[in-house]
């Protein structure tokens, strides 16, 4: 991301979307401890995630929720969750693989 004042004009848009999602979303508390980091390390060996995403995924999959709204394309590699995104790279890949579902 460009760190320039002119690139910060997206903040209002992010805030607007956050205000729409916040009332219906669920905040996840992540407690980083040895069992979590070991599980995340094991996940890194099998899925295309970075460390932060692996920790988030391990925490997320222990909840009853299986839908995630994100622009982070790494989460589409995780079996067992449904990703909602506006990330065009992810959308195009899903379309190519015939995995795109529109609502």
PDB file of N, CA and C in Angstrom:
ATOM      1  N   UNK A   1       0.842  -1.171   0.000  1.00  0.00           N
ATOM      2  CA  UNK A   1       0.000   0.000   0.000  1.00  0.00           C
ATOM      3  C   UNK A   1       0.885   1.231   0.000  1.00  0.00           C
ATOM      4  N   UNK A   2       0.463   2.229  -0.696  1.00  0.00           N
ATOM      5  CA  UNK A   2       1.192   3.484  -0.766  1.00  0.00           C
ATOM      6  C   UNK A   2       0.922   4.277   0.502  1.00  0.00           C
ATOM      7  N   UNK A   3       1.989   4.725   1.136  1.00  0.00           N
ATOM      8  CA  UNK A   3       1.844   5.510   2.355  1.00  0.00           C
ATOM      9  C   UNK A   3       1.951   6.989   1.998  1.00  0.00           C
ATOM     10  N   UNK A   4       0.885   7.501   1.441  1.00  0.00           N
ATOM     11  CA  UNK A   4       0.840   8.882   0.980  1.00  0.00           C
ATOM     12  C   UNK A   4      -0.528   9.450   1.327  1.00  0.00           C
ATOM     13  N   UNK A   5      -0.572  10.712   1.754  1.00  0.00           N
ATOM     14  CA  UNK A   5      -1.877  11.288   2.142  1.00  0.00           C
ATOM     15  C   UNK A   5      -2.972  11.129   1.098  1.00  0.00           C
ATOM     16  N   UNK A   6      -2.640  11.202  -0.185  1.00  0.00           N
ATOM     17  CA  UNK A   6      -3.676  11.069  -1.218  1.00  0.00           C
ATOM     18  C   UNK A   6      -4.245   9.652  -1.281  1.00  0.00           C
ATOM     19  N   UNK A   7      -3.491   8.671  -0.786  1.00  0.00           N
ATOM     20  CA  UNK A   7      -3.969   7.290  -0.791  1.00  0.00           C
ATOM     21  C   UNK A   7      -4.844   6.995   0.415  1.00  0.00           C
ATOM     22  N   UNK A   8      -4.940   7.930   1.337  1.00  0.00           N
ATOM     23  CA  UNK A   8      -5.714   7.729   2.567  1.00  0.00           C
ATOM     24  C   UNK A   8      -7.193   8.036   2.375  1.00  0.00           C
ATOM     25  N   UNK A   9      -7.608   8.398   1.166  1.00  0.00           N
ATOM     26  CA  UNK A   9      -9.006   8.743   0.931  1.00  0.00           C
ATOM     27  C   UNK A   9      -9.934   7.539   1.065  1.00  0.00           C
ATOM     28  N   UNK A  10      -9.401   6.360   1.210  1.00  0.00           N
ATOM     29  CA  UNK A  10     -10.229   5.167   1.374  1.00  0.00           C
ATOM     30  C   UNK A  10     -10.728   5.009   2.808  1.00  0.00           C
ATOM     31  N   UNK A  11     -10.189   5.770   3.730  1.00  0.00           N
ATOM     32  CA  UNK A  11     -10.557   5.633   5.140  1.00  0.00           C
ATOM     33  C   UNK A  11     -12.055   5.840   5.339  1.00  0.00           C
ATOM     34  N   UNK A  12     -12.630   6.828   4.703  1.00  0.00           N
ATOM     35  CA  UNK A  12     -14.075   7.075   4.841  1.00  0.00           C
ATOM     36  C   UNK A  12     -14.871   5.882   4.325  1.00  0.00           C
ATOM     37  N   UNK A  13     -14.416   5.285   3.228  1.00  0.00           N
ATOM     38  CA  UNK A  13     -15.112   4.118   2.672  1.00  0.00           C
ATOM     39  C   UNK A  13     -14.997   2.918   3.613  1.00  0.00           C
ATOM     40  N   UNK A  14     -13.817   2.717   4.167  1.00  0.00           N
ATOM     41  CA  UNK A  14     -13.615   1.623   5.125  1.00  0.00           C
ATOM     42  C   UNK A  14     -14.507   1.826   6.344  1.00  0.00           C
ATOM     43  N   UNK A  15     -14.552   3.040   6.840  1.00  0.00           N
ATOM     44  CA  UNK A  15     -15.398   3.333   7.995  1.00  0.00           C
ATOM     45  C   UNK A  15     -16.870   3.096   7.681  1.00  0.00           C
ATOM     46  N   UNK A  16     -17.299   3.472   6.500  1.00  0.00           N
ATOM     47  CA  UNK A  16     -18.684   3.268   6.086  1.00  0.00           C
ATOM     48  C   UNK A  16     -19.040   1.780   6.062  1.00  0.00           C
ATOM     49  N   UNK A  17     -18.176   0.988   5.457  1.00  0.00           N
ATOM     50  CA  UNK A  17     -18.414  -0.457   5.391  1.00  0.00           C
ATOM     51  C   UNK A  17     -18.369  -1.068   6.792  1.00  0.00           C
ATOM     52  N   UNK A  18     -17.405  -0.642   7.595  1.00  0.00           N
ATOM     53  CA  UNK A  18     -17.300  -1.154   8.966  1.00  0.00           C
ATOM     54  C   UNK A  18     -18.603  -0.893   9.723  1.00  0.00           C
ATOM     55  N   UNK A  19     -19.166   0.290   9.572  1.00  0.00           N
ATOM     56  CA  UNK A  19     -20.405   0.622  10.266  1.00  0.00           C
ATOM     57  C   UNK A  19     -21.579  -0.249   9.814  1.00  0.00           C
ATOM     58  N   UNK A  20     -21.542  -0.740   8.580  1.00  0.00           N
ATOM     59  CA  UNK A  20     -22.581  -1.650   8.096  1.00  0.00           C
ATOM     60  C   UNK A  20     -22.398  -3.061   8.660  1.00  0.00           C
ATOM     61  N   UNK A  21     -21.155  -3.501   8.770  1.00  0.00           N
ATOM     62  CA  UNK A  21     -20.849  -4.870   9.183  1.00  0.00           C
ATOM     63  C   UNK A  21     -20.846  -5.033  10.697  1.00  0.00           C
ATOM     64  N   UNK A  22     -20.385  -4.029  11.403  1.00  0.00           N
ATOM     65  CA  UNK A  22     -20.199  -4.137  12.852  1.00  0.00           C
ATOM     66  C   UNK A  22     -21.419  -4.647  13.611  1.00  0.00           C
ATOM     67  N   UNK A  23     -22.630  -4.163  13.322  1.00  0.00           N
ATOM     68  CA  UNK A  23     -23.790  -4.648  14.087  1.00  0.00           C
ATOM     69  C   UNK A  23     -24.113  -6.134  13.865  1.00  0.00           C
ATOM     70  N   UNK A  24     -23.702  -6.696  12.736  1.00  0.00           N
ATOM     71  CA  UNK A  24     -24.040  -8.092  12.460  1.00  0.00           C
ATOM     72  C   UNK A  24     -22.836  -9.025  12.559  1.00  0.00           C
ATOM     73  N   UNK A  25     -21.650  -8.462  12.681  1.00  0.00           N
ATOM     74  CA  UNK A  25     -20.436  -9.273  12.761  1.00  0.00           C
ATOM     75  C   UNK A  25     -20.139  -9.722  14.179  1.00  0.00           C
ATOM     76  N   UNK A  26     -19.201 -10.621  14.293  1.00  0.00           N
ATOM     77  CA  UNK A  26     -18.769 -11.138  15.591  1.00  0.00           C
ATOM     78  C   UNK A  26     -17.274 -10.884  15.719  1.00  0.00           C
ATOM     79  N   UNK A  27     -16.877 -10.278  16.813  1.00  0.00           N
ATOM     80  CA  UNK A  27     -15.462 -10.057  17.073  1.00  0.00           C
ATOM     81  C   UNK A  27     -14.864 -11.337  17.659  1.00  0.00           C
ATOM     82  N   UNK A  28     -13.678 -11.660  17.215  1.00  0.00           N
ATOM     83  CA  UNK A  28     -13.000 -12.870  17.672  1.00  0.00           C
ATOM     84  C   UNK A  28     -11.836 -12.484  18.572  1.00  0.00           C
ATOM     85  N   UNK A  29     -11.783 -13.078  19.740  1.00  0.00           N
ATOM     86  CA  UNK A  29     -10.637 -12.861  20.612  1.00  0.00           C
ATOM     87  C   UNK A  29      -9.607 -13.938  20.305  1.00  0.00           C
ATOM     88  N   UNK A  30      -8.381 -13.521  20.089  1.00  0.00           N
ATOM     89  CA  UNK A  30      -7.311 -14.464  19.789  1.00  0.00           C
ATOM     90  C   UNK A  30      -6.355 -14.493  20.962  1.00  0.00           C
ATOM     91  N   UNK A  31      -6.252 -15.647  21.572  1.00  0.00           N
ATOM     92  CA  UNK A  31      -5.333 -15.831  22.695  1.00  0.00           C
ATOM     93  C   UNK A  31      -4.162 -16.669  22.188  1.00  0.00           C
ATOM     94  N   UNK A  32      -3.024 -16.036  22.055  1.00  0.00           N
ATOM     95  CA  UNK A  32      -1.857 -16.714  21.508  1.00  0.00           C
ATOM     96  C   UNK A  32      -1.151 -17.464  22.635  1.00  0.00           C
ATOM     97  N   UNK A  33      -1.162 -18.775  22.494  1.00  0.00           N
ATOM     98  CA  UNK A  33      -0.490 -19.640  23.467  1.00  0.00           C
ATOM     99  C   UNK A  33       0.126 -20.803  22.702  1.00  0.00           C
ATOM    100  N   UNK A  34       0.853 -21.653  23.390  1.00  0.00           N
ATOM    101  CA  UNK A  34       1.629 -22.687  22.716  1.00  0.00           C
ATOM    102  C   UNK A  34       0.788 -23.600  21.833  1.00  0.00           C
ATOM    103  N   UNK A  35      -0.356 -24.055  22.309  1.00  0.00           N
ATOM    104  CA  UNK A  35      -1.169 -24.966  21.501  1.00  0.00           C
ATOM    105  C   UNK A  35      -1.629 -24.294  20.200  1.00  0.00           C
ATOM    106  N   UNK A  36      -1.955 -23.020  20.272  1.00  0.00           N
ATOM    107  CA  UNK A  36      -2.377 -22.292  19.084  1.00  0.00           C
ATOM    108  C   UNK A  36      -1.222 -22.132  18.102  1.00  0.00           C
ATOM    109  N   UNK A  37      -0.057 -21.770  18.589  1.00  0.00           N
ATOM    110  CA  UNK A  37       1.070 -21.568  17.681  1.00  0.00           C
ATOM    111  C   UNK A  37       1.524 -22.880  17.052  1.00  0.00           C
ATOM    112  N   UNK A  38       1.436 -23.977  17.785  1.00  0.00           N
ATOM    113  CA  UNK A  38       1.789 -25.281  17.202  1.00  0.00           C
ATOM    114  C   UNK A  38       0.786 -25.686  16.114  1.00  0.00           C
ATOM    115  N   UNK A  39      -0.493 -25.467  16.370  1.00  0.00           N
ATOM    116  CA  UNK A  39      -1.522 -25.785  15.373  1.00  0.00           C
ATOM    117  C   UNK A  39      -1.363 -24.891  14.142  1.00  0.00           C
ATOM    118  N   UNK A  40      -1.045 -23.631  14.360  1.00  0.00           N
ATOM    119  CA  UNK A  40      -0.840 -22.711  13.239  1.00  0.00           C
ATOM    120  C   UNK A  40       0.372 -23.130  12.409  1.00  0.00           C
ATOM    121  N   UNK A  41       1.429 -23.555  13.064  1.00  0.00           N
ATOM    122  CA  UNK A  41       2.618 -24.024  12.352  1.00  0.00           C
ATOM    123  C   UNK A  41       2.288 -25.238  11.492  1.00  0.00           C
ATOM    124  N   UNK A  42       1.515 -26.161  12.029  1.00  0.00           N
ATOM    125  CA  UNK A  42       1.107 -27.343  11.259  1.00  0.00           C
ATOM    126  C   UNK A  42       0.266 -26.923  10.051  1.00  0.00           C
ATOM    127  N   UNK A  43      -0.597 -25.949  10.233  1.00  0.00           N
ATOM    128  CA  UNK A  43      -1.453 -25.468   9.145  1.00  0.00           C
ATOM    129  C   UNK A  43      -0.611 -24.822   8.048  1.00  0.00           C
ATOM    130  N   UNK A  44       0.455 -24.119   8.418  1.00  0.00           N
ATOM    131  CA  UNK A  44       1.330 -23.464   7.441  1.00  0.00           C
ATOM    132  C   UNK A  44       1.938 -24.465   6.460  1.00  0.00           C
ATOM    133  N   UNK A  45       2.092 -25.701   6.903  1.00  0.00           N
ATOM    134  CA  UNK A  45       2.694 -26.735   6.058  1.00  0.00           C
ATOM    135  C   UNK A  45       1.732 -27.228   4.975  1.00  0.00           C
ATOM    136  N   UNK A  46       0.436 -26.986   5.151  1.00  0.00           N
ATOM    137  CA  UNK A  46      -0.570 -27.536   4.248  1.00  0.00           C
ATOM    138  C   UNK A  46      -1.371 -26.509   3.456  1.00  0.00           C
ATOM    139  N   UNK A  47      -1.350 -25.260   3.877  1.00  0.00           N
ATOM    140  CA  UNK A  47      -2.159 -24.241   3.219  1.00  0.00           C
ATOM    141  C   UNK A  47      -1.325 -22.989   2.971  1.00  0.00           C
ATOM    142  N   UNK A  48      -1.688 -22.246   1.967  1.00  0.00           N
ATOM    143  CA  UNK A  48      -0.951 -21.039   1.574  1.00  0.00           C
ATOM    144  C   UNK A  48      -1.377 -19.853   2.436  1.00  0.00           C
ATOM    145  N   UNK A  49      -0.930 -19.860   3.666  1.00  0.00           N
ATOM    146  CA  UNK A  49      -1.251 -18.801   4.615  1.00  0.00           C
ATOM    147  C   UNK A  49       0.033 -18.188   5.144  1.00  0.00           C
ATOM    148  N   UNK A  50      -0.050 -16.931   5.569  1.00  0.00           N
ATOM    149  CA  UNK A  50       1.065 -16.384   6.325  1.00  0.00           C
ATOM    150  C   UNK A  50       0.814 -16.690   7.802  1.00  0.00           C
ATOM    151  N   UNK A  51       1.758 -16.368   8.648  1.00  0.00           N
ATOM    152  CA  UNK A  51       1.649 -16.720  10.070  1.00  0.00           C
ATOM    153  C   UNK A  51       0.427 -16.137  10.751  1.00  0.00           C
ATOM    154  N   UNK A  52       0.171 -14.867  10.504  1.00  0.00           N
ATOM    155  CA  UNK A  52      -0.987 -14.210  11.120  1.00  0.00           C
ATOM    156  C   UNK A  52      -2.283 -14.879  10.672  1.00  0.00           C
ATOM    157  N   UNK A  53      -2.384 -15.181   9.382  1.00  0.00           N
ATOM    158  CA  UNK A  53      -3.595 -15.826   8.862  1.00  0.00           C
ATOM    159  C   UNK A  53      -3.764 -17.229   9.424  1.00  0.00           C
ATOM    160  N   UNK A  54      -2.667 -17.941   9.639  1.00  0.00           N
ATOM    161  CA  UNK A  54      -2.747 -19.292  10.213  1.00  0.00           C
ATOM    162  C   UNK A  54      -3.271 -19.231  11.643  1.00  0.00           C
ATOM    163  N   UNK A  55      -2.810 -18.272  12.407  1.00  0.00           N
ATOM    164  CA  UNK A  55      -3.287 -18.106  13.786  1.00  0.00           C
ATOM    165  C   UNK A  55      -4.761 -17.710  13.788  1.00  0.00           C
ATOM    166  N   UNK A  56      -5.135 -16.787  12.910  1.00  0.00           N
ATOM    167  CA  UNK A  56      -6.529 -16.374  12.803  1.00  0.00           C
ATOM    168  C   UNK A  56      -7.413 -17.548  12.399  1.00  0.00           C
ATOM    169  N   UNK A  57      -6.947 -18.341  11.441  1.00  0.00           N
ATOM    170  CA  UNK A  57      -7.716 -19.499  10.963  1.00  0.00           C
ATOM    171  C   UNK A  57      -7.916 -20.515  12.067  1.00  0.00           C
ATOM    172  N   UNK A  58      -6.875 -20.828  12.797  1.00  0.00           N
ATOM    173  CA  UNK A  58      -7.002 -21.794  13.895  1.00  0.00           C
ATOM    174  C   UNK A  58      -8.033 -21.328  14.913  1.00  0.00           C
ATOM    175  N   UNK A  59      -8.023 -20.058  15.226  1.00  0.00           N
ATOM    176  CA  UNK A  59      -9.000 -19.515  16.179  1.00  0.00           C
ATOM    177  C   UNK A  59     -10.395 -19.545  15.583  1.00  0.00           C
ATOM    178  N   UNK A  60     -10.513 -19.119  14.340  1.00  0.00           N
ATOM    179  CA  UNK A  60     -11.803 -19.041  13.656  1.00  0.00           C
ATOM    180  C   UNK A  60     -12.471 -20.403  13.538  1.00  0.00           C
ATOM    181  N   UNK A  61     -11.709 -21.428  13.197  1.00  0.00           N
ATOM    182  CA  UNK A  61     -12.301 -22.756  12.990  1.00  0.00           C
ATOM    183  C   UNK A  61     -12.770 -23.412  14.286  1.00  0.00           C
ATOM    184  N   UNK A  62     -12.420 -22.837  15.411  1.00  0.00           N
ATOM    185  CA  UNK A  62     -12.909 -23.350  16.694  1.00  0.00           C
ATOM    186  C   UNK A  62     -14.214 -22.681  17.112  1.00  0.00           C
ATOM    187  N   UNK A  63     -14.714 -21.780  16.284  1.00  0.00           N
ATOM    188  CA  UNK A  63     -15.989 -21.113  16.556  1.00  0.00           C
ATOM    189  C   UNK A  63     -17.082 -21.780  15.723  1.00  0.00           C
ATOM    190  N   UNK A  64     -18.328 -21.480  16.001  1.00  0.00           N
ATOM    191  CA  UNK A  64     -19.411 -22.042  15.182  1.00  0.00           C
ATOM    192  C   UNK A  64     -19.570 -21.317  13.842  1.00  0.00           C
ATOM    193  N   UNK A  65     -18.831 -20.248  13.636  1.00  0.00           N
ATOM    194  CA  UNK A  65     -18.973 -19.444  12.426  1.00  0.00           C
ATOM    195  C   UNK A  65     -18.099 -20.005  11.315  1.00  0.00           C
ATOM    196  N   UNK A  66     -18.635 -20.019  10.111  1.00  0.00           N
ATOM    197  CA  UNK A  66     -17.884 -20.572   8.980  1.00  0.00           C
ATOM    198  C   UNK A  66     -17.838 -19.622   7.789  1.00  0.00           C
ATOM    199  N   UNK A  67     -18.312 -18.383   7.960  1.00  0.00           N
ATOM    200  CA  UNK A  67     -18.274 -17.372   6.905  1.00  0.00           C
ATOM    201  C   UNK A  67     -17.339 -16.257   7.331  1.00  0.00           C
ATOM    202  N   UNK A  68     -16.509 -15.809   6.394  1.00  0.00           N
ATOM    203  CA  UNK A  68     -15.585 -14.727   6.697  1.00  0.00           C
ATOM    204  C   UNK A  68     -15.632 -13.695   5.582  1.00  0.00           C
ATOM    205  N   UNK A  69     -15.656 -12.429   5.955  1.00  0.00           N
ATOM    206  CA  UNK A  69     -15.624 -11.320   5.017  1.00  0.00           C
ATOM    207  C   UNK A  69     -14.217 -10.747   5.058  1.00  0.00           C
ATOM    208  N   UNK A  70     -13.502 -10.833   3.942  1.00  0.00           N
ATOM    209  CA  UNK A  70     -12.110 -10.391   3.909  1.00  0.00           C
ATOM    210  C   UNK A  70     -11.677 -10.092   2.490  1.00  0.00           C
ATOM    211  N   UNK A  71     -10.665  -9.251   2.367  1.00  0.00           N
ATOM    212  CA  UNK A  71     -10.053  -9.049   1.058  1.00  0.00           C
ATOM    213  C   UNK A  71      -8.749  -9.834   0.956  1.00  0.00           C
ATOM    214  N   UNK A  72      -8.432 -10.591   1.982  1.00  0.00           N
ATOM    215  CA  UNK A  72      -7.203 -11.389   2.036  1.00  0.00           C
ATOM    216  C   UNK A  72      -7.420 -12.714   1.310  1.00  0.00           C
ATOM    217  N   UNK A  73      -6.800 -12.864   0.176  1.00  0.00           N
ATOM    218  CA  UNK A  73      -6.976 -14.050  -0.651  1.00  0.00           C
ATOM    219  C   UNK A  73      -6.458 -15.329  -0.033  1.00  0.00           C
ATOM    220  N   UNK A  74      -5.602 -15.246   0.981  1.00  0.00           N
ATOM    221  CA  UNK A  74      -5.073 -16.458   1.607  1.00  0.00           C
ATOM    222  C   UNK A  74      -6.175 -17.345   2.174  1.00  0.00           C
ATOM    223  N   UNK A  75      -7.244 -16.751   2.661  1.00  0.00           N
ATOM    224  CA  UNK A  75      -8.287 -17.524   3.326  1.00  0.00           C
ATOM    225  C   UNK A  75      -9.046 -18.458   2.393  1.00  0.00           C
ATOM    226  N   UNK A  76      -8.966 -18.225   1.080  1.00  0.00           N
ATOM    227  CA  UNK A  76      -9.658 -19.131   0.162  1.00  0.00           C
ATOM    228  C   UNK A  76      -8.988 -20.496   0.089  1.00  0.00           C
ATOM    229  N   UNK A  77      -7.790 -20.634   0.640  1.00  0.00           N
ATOM    230  CA  UNK A  77      -7.108 -21.925   0.637  1.00  0.00           C
ATOM    231  C   UNK A  77      -7.541 -22.801   1.806  1.00  0.00           C
ATOM    232  N   UNK A  78      -8.357 -22.265   2.704  1.00  0.00           N
ATOM    233  CA  UNK A  78      -8.751 -22.982   3.915  1.00  0.00           C
ATOM    234  C   UNK A  78     -10.045 -23.753   3.676  1.00  0.00           C
ATOM    235  N   UNK A  79      -9.970 -25.044   3.857  1.00  0.00           N
ATOM    236  CA  UNK A  79     -11.154 -25.892   3.732  1.00  0.00           C
ATOM    237  C   UNK A  79     -12.064 -25.667   4.936  1.00  0.00           C
ATOM    238  N   UNK A  80     -13.353 -25.587   4.670  1.00  0.00           N
ATOM    239  CA  UNK A  80     -14.310 -25.500   5.768  1.00  0.00           C
ATOM    240  C   UNK A  80     -14.837 -24.117   6.056  1.00  0.00           C
ATOM    241  N   UNK A  81     -14.389 -23.113   5.292  1.00  0.00           N
ATOM    242  CA  UNK A  81     -14.946 -21.784   5.477  1.00  0.00           C
ATOM    243  C   UNK A  81     -15.434 -21.244   4.137  1.00  0.00           C
ATOM    244  N   UNK A  82     -16.355 -20.306   4.205  1.00  0.00           N
ATOM    245  CA  UNK A  82     -16.840 -19.611   3.022  1.00  0.00           C
ATOM    246  C   UNK A  82     -16.324 -18.184   3.088  1.00  0.00           C
ATOM    247  N   UNK A  83     -15.679 -17.745   2.014  1.00  0.00           N
ATOM    248  CA  UNK A  83     -15.088 -16.407   1.966  1.00  0.00           C
ATOM    249  C   UNK A  83     -15.993 -15.491   1.150  1.00  0.00           C
ATOM    250  N   UNK A  84     -16.321 -14.352   1.733  1.00  0.00           N
ATOM    251  CA  UNK A  84     -17.029 -13.290   1.037  1.00  0.00           C
ATOM    252  C   UNK A  84     -16.005 -12.193   0.790  1.00  0.00           C
ATOM    253  N   UNK A  85     -15.841 -11.787  -0.475  1.00  0.00           N
ATOM    254  CA  UNK A  85     -14.785 -10.839  -0.804  1.00  0.00           C
ATOM    255  C   UNK A  85     -15.141  -9.985  -2.001  1.00  0.00           C
ATOM    256  N   UNK A  86     -14.449  -8.860  -2.102  1.00  0.00           N
ATOM    257  CA  UNK A  86     -14.493  -8.018  -3.294  1.00  0.00           C
ATOM    258  C   UNK A  86     -13.128  -8.020  -3.968  1.00  0.00           C
ATOM    259  N   UNK A  87     -12.236  -8.899  -3.537  1.00  0.00           N
ATOM    260  CA  UNK A  87     -10.885  -9.021  -4.098  1.00  0.00           C
ATOM    261  C   UNK A  87     -11.003  -9.614  -5.504  1.00  0.00           C
ATOM    262  N   UNK A  88     -10.740  -8.794  -6.512  1.00  0.00           N
ATOM    263  CA  UNK A  88     -10.932  -9.235  -7.894  1.00  0.00           C
ATOM    264  C   UNK A  88     -10.029 -10.406  -8.275  1.00  0.00           C
ATOM    265  N   UNK A  89      -8.828 -10.464  -7.741  1.00  0.00           N
ATOM    266  CA  UNK A  89      -7.950 -11.609  -8.021  1.00  0.00           C
ATOM    267  C   UNK A  89      -8.580 -12.902  -7.522  1.00  0.00           C
ATOM    268  N   UNK A  90      -9.129 -12.869  -6.322  1.00  0.00           N
ATOM    269  CA  UNK A  90      -9.780 -14.046  -5.744  1.00  0.00           C
ATOM    270  C   UNK A  90     -11.021 -14.411  -6.549  1.00  0.00           C
ATOM    271  N   UNK A  91     -11.815 -13.419  -6.892  1.00  0.00           N
ATOM    272  CA  UNK A  91     -13.040 -13.659  -7.662  1.00  0.00           C
ATOM    273  C   UNK A  91     -12.714 -14.280  -9.016  1.00  0.00           C
ATOM    274  N   UNK A  92     -11.722 -13.745  -9.697  1.00  0.00           N
ATOM    275  CA  UNK A  92     -11.350 -14.276 -11.015  1.00  0.00           C
ATOM    276  C   UNK A  92     -10.804 -15.695 -10.924  1.00  0.00           C
ATOM    277  N   UNK A  93      -9.993 -15.979  -9.903  1.00  0.00           N
ATOM    278  CA  UNK A  93      -9.483 -17.343  -9.710  1.00  0.00           C
ATOM    279  C   UNK A  93     -10.635 -18.306  -9.425  1.00  0.00           C
ATOM    280  N   UNK A  94     -11.570 -17.896  -8.585  1.00  0.00           N
ATOM    281  CA  UNK A  94     -12.720 -18.749  -8.274  1.00  0.00           C
ATOM    282  C   UNK A  94     -13.553 -19.002  -9.528  1.00  0.00           C
ATOM    283  N   UNK A  95     -13.719 -17.976 -10.342  1.00  0.00           N
ATOM    284  CA  UNK A  95     -14.471 -18.130 -11.585  1.00  0.00           C
ATOM    285  C   UNK A  95     -13.767 -19.131 -12.507  1.00  0.00           C
ATOM    286  N   UNK A  96     -12.453 -18.989 -12.648  1.00  0.00           N
ATOM    287  CA  UNK A  96     -11.660 -19.893 -13.496  1.00  0.00           C
ATOM    288  C   UNK A  96     -11.767 -21.328 -13.016  1.00  0.00           C
ATOM    289  N   UNK A  97     -11.789 -21.529 -11.695  1.00  0.00           N
ATOM    290  CA  UNK A  97     -11.845 -22.875 -11.115  1.00  0.00           C
ATOM    291  C   UNK A  97     -13.288 -23.375 -10.939  1.00  0.00           C
ATOM    292  N   UNK A  98     -14.245 -22.592 -11.411  1.00  0.00           N
ATOM    293  CA  UNK A  98     -15.674 -22.920 -11.275  1.00  0.00           C
ATOM    294  C   UNK A  98     -16.104 -23.104  -9.813  1.00  0.00           C
ATOM    295  N   UNK A  99     -15.548 -22.267  -8.970  1.00  0.00           N
ATOM    296  CA  UNK A  99     -15.881 -22.294  -7.542  1.00  0.00           C
ATOM    297  C   UNK A  99     -16.595 -21.016  -7.094  1.00  0.00           C
ATOM    298  N   UNK A 100     -16.837 -20.123  -8.051  1.00  0.00           N
ATOM    299  CA  UNK A 100     -17.461 -18.850  -7.709  1.00  0.00           C
ATOM    300  C   UNK A 100     -18.945 -19.034  -7.466  1.00  0.00           C
ATOM    301  N   UNK A 101     -19.395 -18.526  -6.335  1.00  0.00           N
ATOM    302  CA  UNK A 101     -20.814 -18.539  -5.993  1.00  0.00           C
ATOM    303  C   UNK A 101     -21.226 -17.084  -5.830  1.00  0.00           C
ATOM    304  N   UNK A 102     -22.261 -16.661  -6.522  1.00  0.00           N
ATOM    305  CA  UNK A 102     -22.741 -15.294  -6.382  1.00  0.00           C
ATOM    306  C   UNK A 102     -24.077 -15.307  -5.668  1.00  0.00           C
ATOM    307  N   UNK A 103     -24.333 -14.251  -4.971  1.00  0.00           N
ATOM    308  CA  UNK A 103     -25.591 -14.138  -4.212  1.00  0.00           C
ATOM    309  C   UNK A 103     -26.295 -12.870  -4.569  1.00  0.00           C
TER     310      UNK A 103
END
